[in-house]
Amino acid sequence: MSQTHVVRLFRDAQLNPDLKHRLNVSSTPEEFVAMAKRLGYEFTLEEWQSSTRFSVEELECALSEIPGI
């Protein structure tokens, strides 16, 4: 189920500039996951990293710099 939420978040962010902008203001990976959860996307940081194969170091860039977003 959590992987489904990760995929849905990526697809929704690609289609919705407002959502993408809201997620871009996250300053830490934990804040990103917490914001996603408040928006209805249920996954942990570990599940997000596993599904996307992004490391914490890569998350220091803006979300829009991540391929596919």
PDB file of N, CA and C in Angstrom:
ATOM      1  N   MET A   1       0.820  -1.199   0.000  1.00  0.00           N
ATOM      2  CA  MET A   1       0.000   0.000   0.000  1.00  0.00           C
ATOM      3  C   MET A   1       0.863   1.261   0.000  1.00  0.00           C
ATOM      4  N   SER A   2       1.930   1.286   0.800  1.00  0.00           N
ATOM      5  CA  SER A   2       2.750   2.491   0.887  1.00  0.00           C
ATOM      6  C   SER A   2       3.442   2.803  -0.435  1.00  0.00           C
ATOM      7  N   GLN A   3       3.874   1.773  -1.161  1.00  0.00           N
ATOM      8  CA  GLN A   3       4.497   2.009  -2.463  1.00  0.00           C
ATOM      9  C   GLN A   3       3.490   2.645  -3.414  1.00  0.00           C
ATOM     10  N   THR A   4       2.258   2.236  -3.326  1.00  0.00           N
ATOM     11  CA  THR A   4       1.196   2.832  -4.136  1.00  0.00           C
ATOM     12  C   THR A   4       1.064   4.321  -3.835  1.00  0.00           C
ATOM     13  N   HIS A   5       1.177   4.682  -2.561  1.00  0.00           N
ATOM     14  CA  HIS A   5       1.090   6.089  -2.172  1.00  0.00           C
ATOM     15  C   HIS A   5       2.279   6.885  -2.699  1.00  0.00           C
ATOM     16  N   VAL A   6       3.469   6.291  -2.708  1.00  0.00           N
ATOM     17  CA  VAL A   6       4.650   6.967  -3.243  1.00  0.00           C
ATOM     18  C   VAL A   6       4.455   7.233  -4.734  1.00  0.00           C
ATOM     19  N   VAL A   7       4.021   6.234  -5.470  1.00  0.00           N
ATOM     20  CA  VAL A   7       3.790   6.387  -6.905  1.00  0.00           C
ATOM     21  C   VAL A   7       2.710   7.433  -7.149  1.00  0.00           C
ATOM     22  N   ARG A   8       1.656   7.386  -6.371  1.00  0.00           N
ATOM     23  CA  ARG A   8       0.566   8.362  -6.538  1.00  0.00           C
ATOM     24  C   ARG A   8       1.061   9.777  -6.265  1.00  0.00           C
ATOM     25  N   LEU A   9       1.898   9.943  -5.239  1.00  0.00           N
ATOM     26  CA  LEU A   9       2.439  11.267  -4.921  1.00  0.00           C
ATOM     27  C   LEU A   9       3.273  11.789  -6.088  1.00  0.00           C
ATOM     28  N   PHE A  10       4.147  10.969  -6.652  1.00  0.00           N
ATOM     29  CA  PHE A  10       4.960  11.410  -7.773  1.00  0.00           C
ATOM     30  C   PHE A  10       4.090  11.799  -8.964  1.00  0.00           C
ATOM     31  N   ARG A  11       3.117  10.991  -9.271  1.00  0.00           N
ATOM     32  CA  ARG A  11       2.236  11.304 -10.406  1.00  0.00           C
ATOM     33  C   ARG A  11       1.435  12.575 -10.144  1.00  0.00           C
ATOM     34  N   ASP A  12       0.896  12.693  -8.936  1.00  0.00           N
ATOM     35  CA  ASP A  12       0.113  13.881  -8.598  1.00  0.00           C
ATOM     36  C   ASP A  12       0.963  15.142  -8.643  1.00  0.00           C
ATOM     37  N   ALA A  13       2.217  15.059  -8.167  1.00  0.00           N
ATOM     38  CA  ALA A  13       3.109  16.223  -8.175  1.00  0.00           C
ATOM     39  C   ALA A  13       3.458  16.643  -9.597  1.00  0.00           C
ATOM     40  N   GLN A  14       3.556  15.686 -10.503  1.00  0.00           N
ATOM     41  CA  GLN A  14       3.840  16.014 -11.903  1.00  0.00           C
ATOM     42  C   GLN A  14       2.670  16.745 -12.547  1.00  0.00           C
ATOM     43  N   LEU A  15       1.469  16.408 -12.125  1.00  0.00           N
ATOM     44  CA  LEU A  15       0.268  16.989 -12.726  1.00  0.00           C
ATOM     45  C   LEU A  15      -0.219  18.251 -12.020  1.00  0.00           C
ATOM     46  N   ASN A  16       0.218  18.457 -10.793  1.00  0.00           N
ATOM     47  CA  ASN A  16      -0.309  19.548  -9.982  1.00  0.00           C
ATOM     48  C   ASN A  16       0.825  20.460  -9.510  1.00  0.00           C
ATOM     49  N   PRO A  17       1.032  21.602 -10.171  1.00  0.00           N
ATOM     50  CA  PRO A  17       2.111  22.511  -9.788  1.00  0.00           C
ATOM     51  C   PRO A  17       1.992  23.016  -8.345  1.00  0.00           C
ATOM     52  N   ASP A  18       0.773  23.189  -7.854  1.00  0.00           N
ATOM     53  CA  ASP A  18       0.586  23.642  -6.476  1.00  0.00           C
ATOM     54  C   ASP A  18       1.096  22.597  -5.486  1.00  0.00           C
ATOM     55  N   LEU A  19       0.772  21.334  -5.725  1.00  0.00           N
ATOM     56  CA  LEU A  19       1.258  20.254  -4.864  1.00  0.00           C
ATOM     57  C   LEU A  19       2.775  20.192  -4.922  1.00  0.00           C
ATOM     58  N   LYS A  20       3.324  20.275  -6.102  1.00  0.00           N
ATOM     59  CA  LYS A  20       4.778  20.237  -6.275  1.00  0.00           C
ATOM     60  C   LYS A  20       5.430  21.369  -5.484  1.00  0.00           C
ATOM     61  N   HIS A  21       4.872  22.561  -5.582  1.00  0.00           N
ATOM     62  CA  HIS A  21       5.402  23.711  -4.845  1.00  0.00           C
ATOM     63  C   HIS A  21       5.305  23.496  -3.334  1.00  0.00           C
ATOM     64  N   ARG A  22       4.186  23.002  -2.870  1.00  0.00           N
ATOM     65  CA  ARG A  22       4.005  22.755  -1.429  1.00  0.00           C
ATOM     66  C   ARG A  22       5.040  21.767  -0.908  1.00  0.00           C
ATOM     67  N   LEU A  23       5.324  20.731  -1.679  1.00  0.00           N
ATOM     68  CA  LEU A  23       6.306  19.736  -1.263  1.00  0.00           C
ATOM     69  C   LEU A  23       7.730  20.281  -1.338  1.00  0.00           C
ATOM     70  N   ASN A  24       7.982  21.194  -2.251  1.00  0.00           N
ATOM     71  CA  ASN A  24       9.316  21.773  -2.405  1.00  0.00           C
ATOM     72  C   ASN A  24       9.749  22.598  -1.206  1.00  0.00           C
ATOM     73  N   VAL A  25       8.828  23.059  -0.399  1.00  0.00           N
ATOM     74  CA  VAL A  25       9.206  23.870   0.757  1.00  0.00           C
ATOM     75  C   VAL A  25       9.718  23.019   1.914  1.00  0.00           C
ATOM     76  N   SER A  26       9.653  21.725   1.797  1.00  0.00           N
ATOM     77  CA  SER A  26      10.172  20.829   2.832  1.00  0.00           C
ATOM     78  C   SER A  26      11.685  20.999   2.919  1.00  0.00           C
ATOM     79  N   SER A  27      12.180  21.215   4.136  1.00  0.00           N
ATOM     80  CA  SER A  27      13.616  21.430   4.295  1.00  0.00           C
ATOM     81  C   SER A  27      14.373  20.168   4.698  1.00  0.00           C
ATOM     82  N   THR A  28      13.655  19.137   5.124  1.00  0.00           N
ATOM     83  CA  THR A  28      14.293  17.878   5.501  1.00  0.00           C
ATOM     84  C   THR A  28      13.466  16.725   4.942  1.00  0.00           C
ATOM     85  N   PRO A  29      14.069  15.566   4.805  1.00  0.00           N
ATOM     86  CA  PRO A  29      13.301  14.403   4.343  1.00  0.00           C
ATOM     87  C   PRO A  29      12.152  14.072   5.286  1.00  0.00           C
ATOM     88  N   GLU A  30      12.386  14.220   6.578  1.00  0.00           N
ATOM     89  CA  GLU A  30      11.322  13.941   7.552  1.00  0.00           C
ATOM     90  C   GLU A  30      10.154  14.907   7.394  1.00  0.00           C
ATOM     91  N   GLU A  31      10.461  16.162   7.132  1.00  0.00           N
ATOM     92  CA  GLU A  31       9.404  17.154   6.915  1.00  0.00           C
ATOM     93  C   GLU A  31       8.625  16.836   5.638  1.00  0.00           C
ATOM     94  N   PHE A  32       9.336  16.390   4.602  1.00  0.00           N
ATOM     95  CA  PHE A  32       8.691  15.999   3.348  1.00  0.00           C
ATOM     96  C   PHE A  32       7.686  14.877   3.587  1.00  0.00           C
ATOM     97  N   VAL A  33       8.115  13.840   4.316  1.00  0.00           N
ATOM     98  CA  VAL A  33       7.243  12.695   4.582  1.00  0.00           C
ATOM     99  C   VAL A  33       6.058  13.119   5.449  1.00  0.00           C
ATOM    100  N   ALA A  34       6.305  13.971   6.439  1.00  0.00           N
ATOM    101  CA  ALA A  34       5.218  14.446   7.303  1.00  0.00           C
ATOM    102  C   ALA A  34       4.202  15.259   6.495  1.00  0.00           C
ATOM    103  N   MET A  35       4.694  16.116   5.608  1.00  0.00           N
ATOM    104  CA  MET A  35       3.786  16.916   4.782  1.00  0.00           C
ATOM    105  C   MET A  35       2.984  16.007   3.848  1.00  0.00           C
ATOM    106  N   ALA A  36       3.648  15.035   3.248  1.00  0.00           N
ATOM    107  CA  ALA A  36       2.949  14.100   2.371  1.00  0.00           C
ATOM    108  C   ALA A  36       1.859  13.364   3.146  1.00  0.00           C
ATOM    109  N   LYS A  37       2.171  12.970   4.375  1.00  0.00           N
ATOM    110  CA  LYS A  37       1.183  12.265   5.202  1.00  0.00           C
ATOM    111  C   LYS A  37      -0.030  13.158   5.479  1.00  0.00           C
ATOM    112  N   ARG A  38       0.216  14.433   5.793  1.00  0.00           N
ATOM    113  CA  ARG A  38      -0.900  15.368   6.030  1.00  0.00           C
ATOM    114  C   ARG A  38      -1.767  15.531   4.786  1.00  0.00           C
ATOM    115  N   LEU A  39      -1.164  15.319   3.619  1.00  0.00           N
ATOM    116  CA  LEU A  39      -1.895  15.445   2.358  1.00  0.00           C
ATOM    117  C   LEU A  39      -2.552  14.137   1.930  1.00  0.00           C
ATOM    118  N   GLY A  40      -2.391  13.077   2.744  1.00  0.00           N
ATOM    119  CA  GLY A  40      -3.080  11.823   2.475  1.00  0.00           C
ATOM    120  C   GLY A  40      -2.227  10.735   1.845  1.00  0.00           C
ATOM    121  N   TYR A  41      -0.923  10.942   1.772  1.00  0.00           N
ATOM    122  CA  TYR A  41      -0.017   9.945   1.209  1.00  0.00           C
ATOM    123  C   TYR A  41       0.676   9.240   2.373  1.00  0.00           C
ATOM    124  N   GLU A  42       0.324   7.993   2.611  1.00  0.00           N
ATOM    125  CA  GLU A  42       0.801   7.251   3.778  1.00  0.00           C
ATOM    126  C   GLU A  42       2.017   6.396   3.449  1.00  0.00           C
ATOM    127  N   PHE A  43       3.204   6.861   3.861  1.00  0.00           N
ATOM    128  CA  PHE A  43       4.427   6.079   3.730  1.00  0.00           C
ATOM    129  C   PHE A  43       5.467   6.638   4.685  1.00  0.00           C
ATOM    130  N   THR A  44       6.444   5.808   5.015  1.00  0.00           N
ATOM    131  CA  THR A  44       7.536   6.231   5.887  1.00  0.00           C
ATOM    132  C   THR A  44       8.696   6.729   5.026  1.00  0.00           C
ATOM    133  N   LEU A  45       9.654   7.365   5.661  1.00  0.00           N
ATOM    134  CA  LEU A  45      10.839   7.818   4.951  1.00  0.00           C
ATOM    135  C   LEU A  45      11.558   6.636   4.310  1.00  0.00           C
ATOM    136  N   GLU A  46      11.669   5.546   5.040  1.00  0.00           N
ATOM    137  CA  GLU A  46      12.340   4.365   4.516  1.00  0.00           C
ATOM    138  C   GLU A  46      11.594   3.788   3.310  1.00  0.00           C
ATOM    139  N   GLU A  47      10.267   3.781   3.380  1.00  0.00           N
ATOM    140  CA  GLU A  47       9.474   3.273   2.255  1.00  0.00           C
ATOM    141  C   GLU A  47       9.630   4.186   1.036  1.00  0.00           C
ATOM    142  N   TRP A  48       9.665   5.494   1.270  1.00  0.00           N
ATOM    143  CA  TRP A  48       9.830   6.443   0.175  1.00  0.00           C
ATOM    144  C   TRP A  48      11.191   6.254  -0.479  1.00  0.00           C
ATOM    145  N   GLN A  49      12.240   6.150   0.342  1.00  0.00           N
ATOM    146  CA  GLN A  49      13.582   5.967  -0.199  1.00  0.00           C
ATOM    147  C   GLN A  49      13.696   4.646  -0.944  1.00  0.00           C
ATOM    148  N   SER A  50      13.104   3.596  -0.406  1.00  0.00           N
ATOM    149  CA  SER A  50      13.152   2.297  -1.053  1.00  0.00           C
ATOM    150  C   SER A  50      12.410   2.316  -2.390  1.00  0.00           C
ATOM    151  N   SER A  51      11.278   2.955  -2.424  1.00  0.00           N
ATOM    152  CA  SER A  51      10.470   3.007  -3.642  1.00  0.00           C
ATOM    153  C   SER A  51      11.097   3.881  -4.714  1.00  0.00           C
ATOM    154  N   THR A  52      11.776   4.946  -4.291  1.00  0.00           N
ATOM    155  CA  THR A  52      12.341   5.886  -5.250  1.00  0.00           C
ATOM    156  C   THR A  52      13.832   5.684  -5.457  1.00  0.00           C
ATOM    157  N   ARG A  53      14.451   4.949  -4.539  1.00  0.00           N
ATOM    158  CA  ARG A  53      15.892   4.698  -4.561  1.00  0.00           C
ATOM    159  C   ARG A  53      16.711   5.968  -4.371  1.00  0.00           C
ATOM    160  N   PHE A  54      16.140   6.976  -3.695  1.00  0.00           N
ATOM    161  CA  PHE A  54      16.867   8.206  -3.387  1.00  0.00           C
ATOM    162  C   PHE A  54      17.458   8.109  -2.001  1.00  0.00           C
ATOM    163  N   SER A  55      18.679   8.558  -1.843  1.00  0.00           N
ATOM    164  CA  SER A  55      19.301   8.591  -0.526  1.00  0.00           C
ATOM    165  C   SER A  55      18.981   9.913   0.147  1.00  0.00           C
ATOM    166  N   VAL A  56      19.226   9.992   1.429  1.00  0.00           N
ATOM    167  CA  VAL A  56      18.969  11.215   2.180  1.00  0.00           C
ATOM    168  C   VAL A  56      19.797  12.354   1.603  1.00  0.00           C
ATOM    169  N   GLU A  57      21.021  12.092   1.197  1.00  0.00           N
ATOM    170  CA  GLU A  57      21.871  13.140   0.642  1.00  0.00           C
ATOM    171  C   GLU A  57      21.247  13.754  -0.612  1.00  0.00           C
ATOM    172  N   GLU A  58      20.613  12.949  -1.422  1.00  0.00           N
ATOM    173  CA  GLU A  58      19.984  13.457  -2.630  1.00  0.00           C
ATOM    174  C   GLU A  58      18.785  14.330  -2.315  1.00  0.00           C
ATOM    175  N   LEU A  59      18.213  14.171  -1.145  1.00  0.00           N
ATOM    176  CA  LEU A  59      17.024  14.936  -0.783  1.00  0.00           C
ATOM    177  C   LEU A  59      17.352  16.360  -0.374  1.00  0.00           C
ATOM    178  N   GLU A  60      18.624  16.709  -0.306  1.00  0.00           N
ATOM    179  CA  GLU A  60      18.991  18.065   0.059  1.00  0.00           C
ATOM    180  C   GLU A  60      18.726  19.032  -1.081  1.00  0.00           C
ATOM    181  N   CYS A  61      18.441  18.538  -2.281  1.00  0.00           N
ATOM    182  CA  CYS A  61      18.070  19.396  -3.391  1.00  0.00           C
ATOM    183  C   CYS A  61      16.556  19.652  -3.319  1.00  0.00           C
ATOM    184  N   ALA A  62      16.109  20.566  -4.146  1.00  0.00           N
ATOM    185  CA  ALA A  62      14.679  20.828  -4.213  1.00  0.00           C
ATOM    186  C   ALA A  62      13.998  19.638  -4.862  1.00  0.00           C
ATOM    187  N   LEU A  63      12.770  19.376  -4.486  1.00  0.00           N
ATOM    188  CA  LEU A  63      12.029  18.248  -5.036  1.00  0.00           C
ATOM    189  C   LEU A  63      11.983  18.313  -6.551  1.00  0.00           C
ATOM    190  N   SER A  64      11.878  19.528  -7.099  1.00  0.00           N
ATOM    191  CA  SER A  64      11.794  19.667  -8.547  1.00  0.00           C
ATOM    192  C   SER A  64      13.076  19.254  -9.245  1.00  0.00           C
ATOM    193  N   GLU A  65      14.186  19.117  -8.489  1.00  0.00           N
ATOM    194  CA  GLU A  65      15.442  18.682  -9.085  1.00  0.00           C
ATOM    195  C   GLU A  65      15.562  17.168  -9.129  1.00  0.00           C
ATOM    196  N   ILE A  66      14.622  16.460  -8.502  1.00  0.00           N
ATOM    197  CA  ILE A  66      14.645  15.015  -8.497  1.00  0.00           C
ATOM    198  C   ILE A  66      14.021  14.533  -9.809  1.00  0.00           C
ATOM    199  N   PRO A  67      14.702  13.654 -10.530  1.00  0.00           N
ATOM    200  CA  PRO A  67      14.149  13.172 -11.804  1.00  0.00           C
ATOM    201  C   PRO A  67      12.730  12.626 -11.645  1.00  0.00           C
ATOM    202  N   GLY A  68      11.871  13.027 -12.560  1.00  0.00           N
ATOM    203  CA  GLY A  68      10.501  12.539 -12.551  1.00  0.00           C
ATOM    204  C   GLY A  68       9.537  13.452 -11.824  1.00  0.00           C
ATOM    205  N   ILE A  69      10.064  14.452 -11.121  1.00  0.00           N
ATOM    206  CA  ILE A  69       9.186  15.388 -10.397  1.00  0.00           C
ATOM    207  C   ILE A  69       9.233  16.731 -11.084  1.00  0.00           C
TER     208      ILE A  69
END
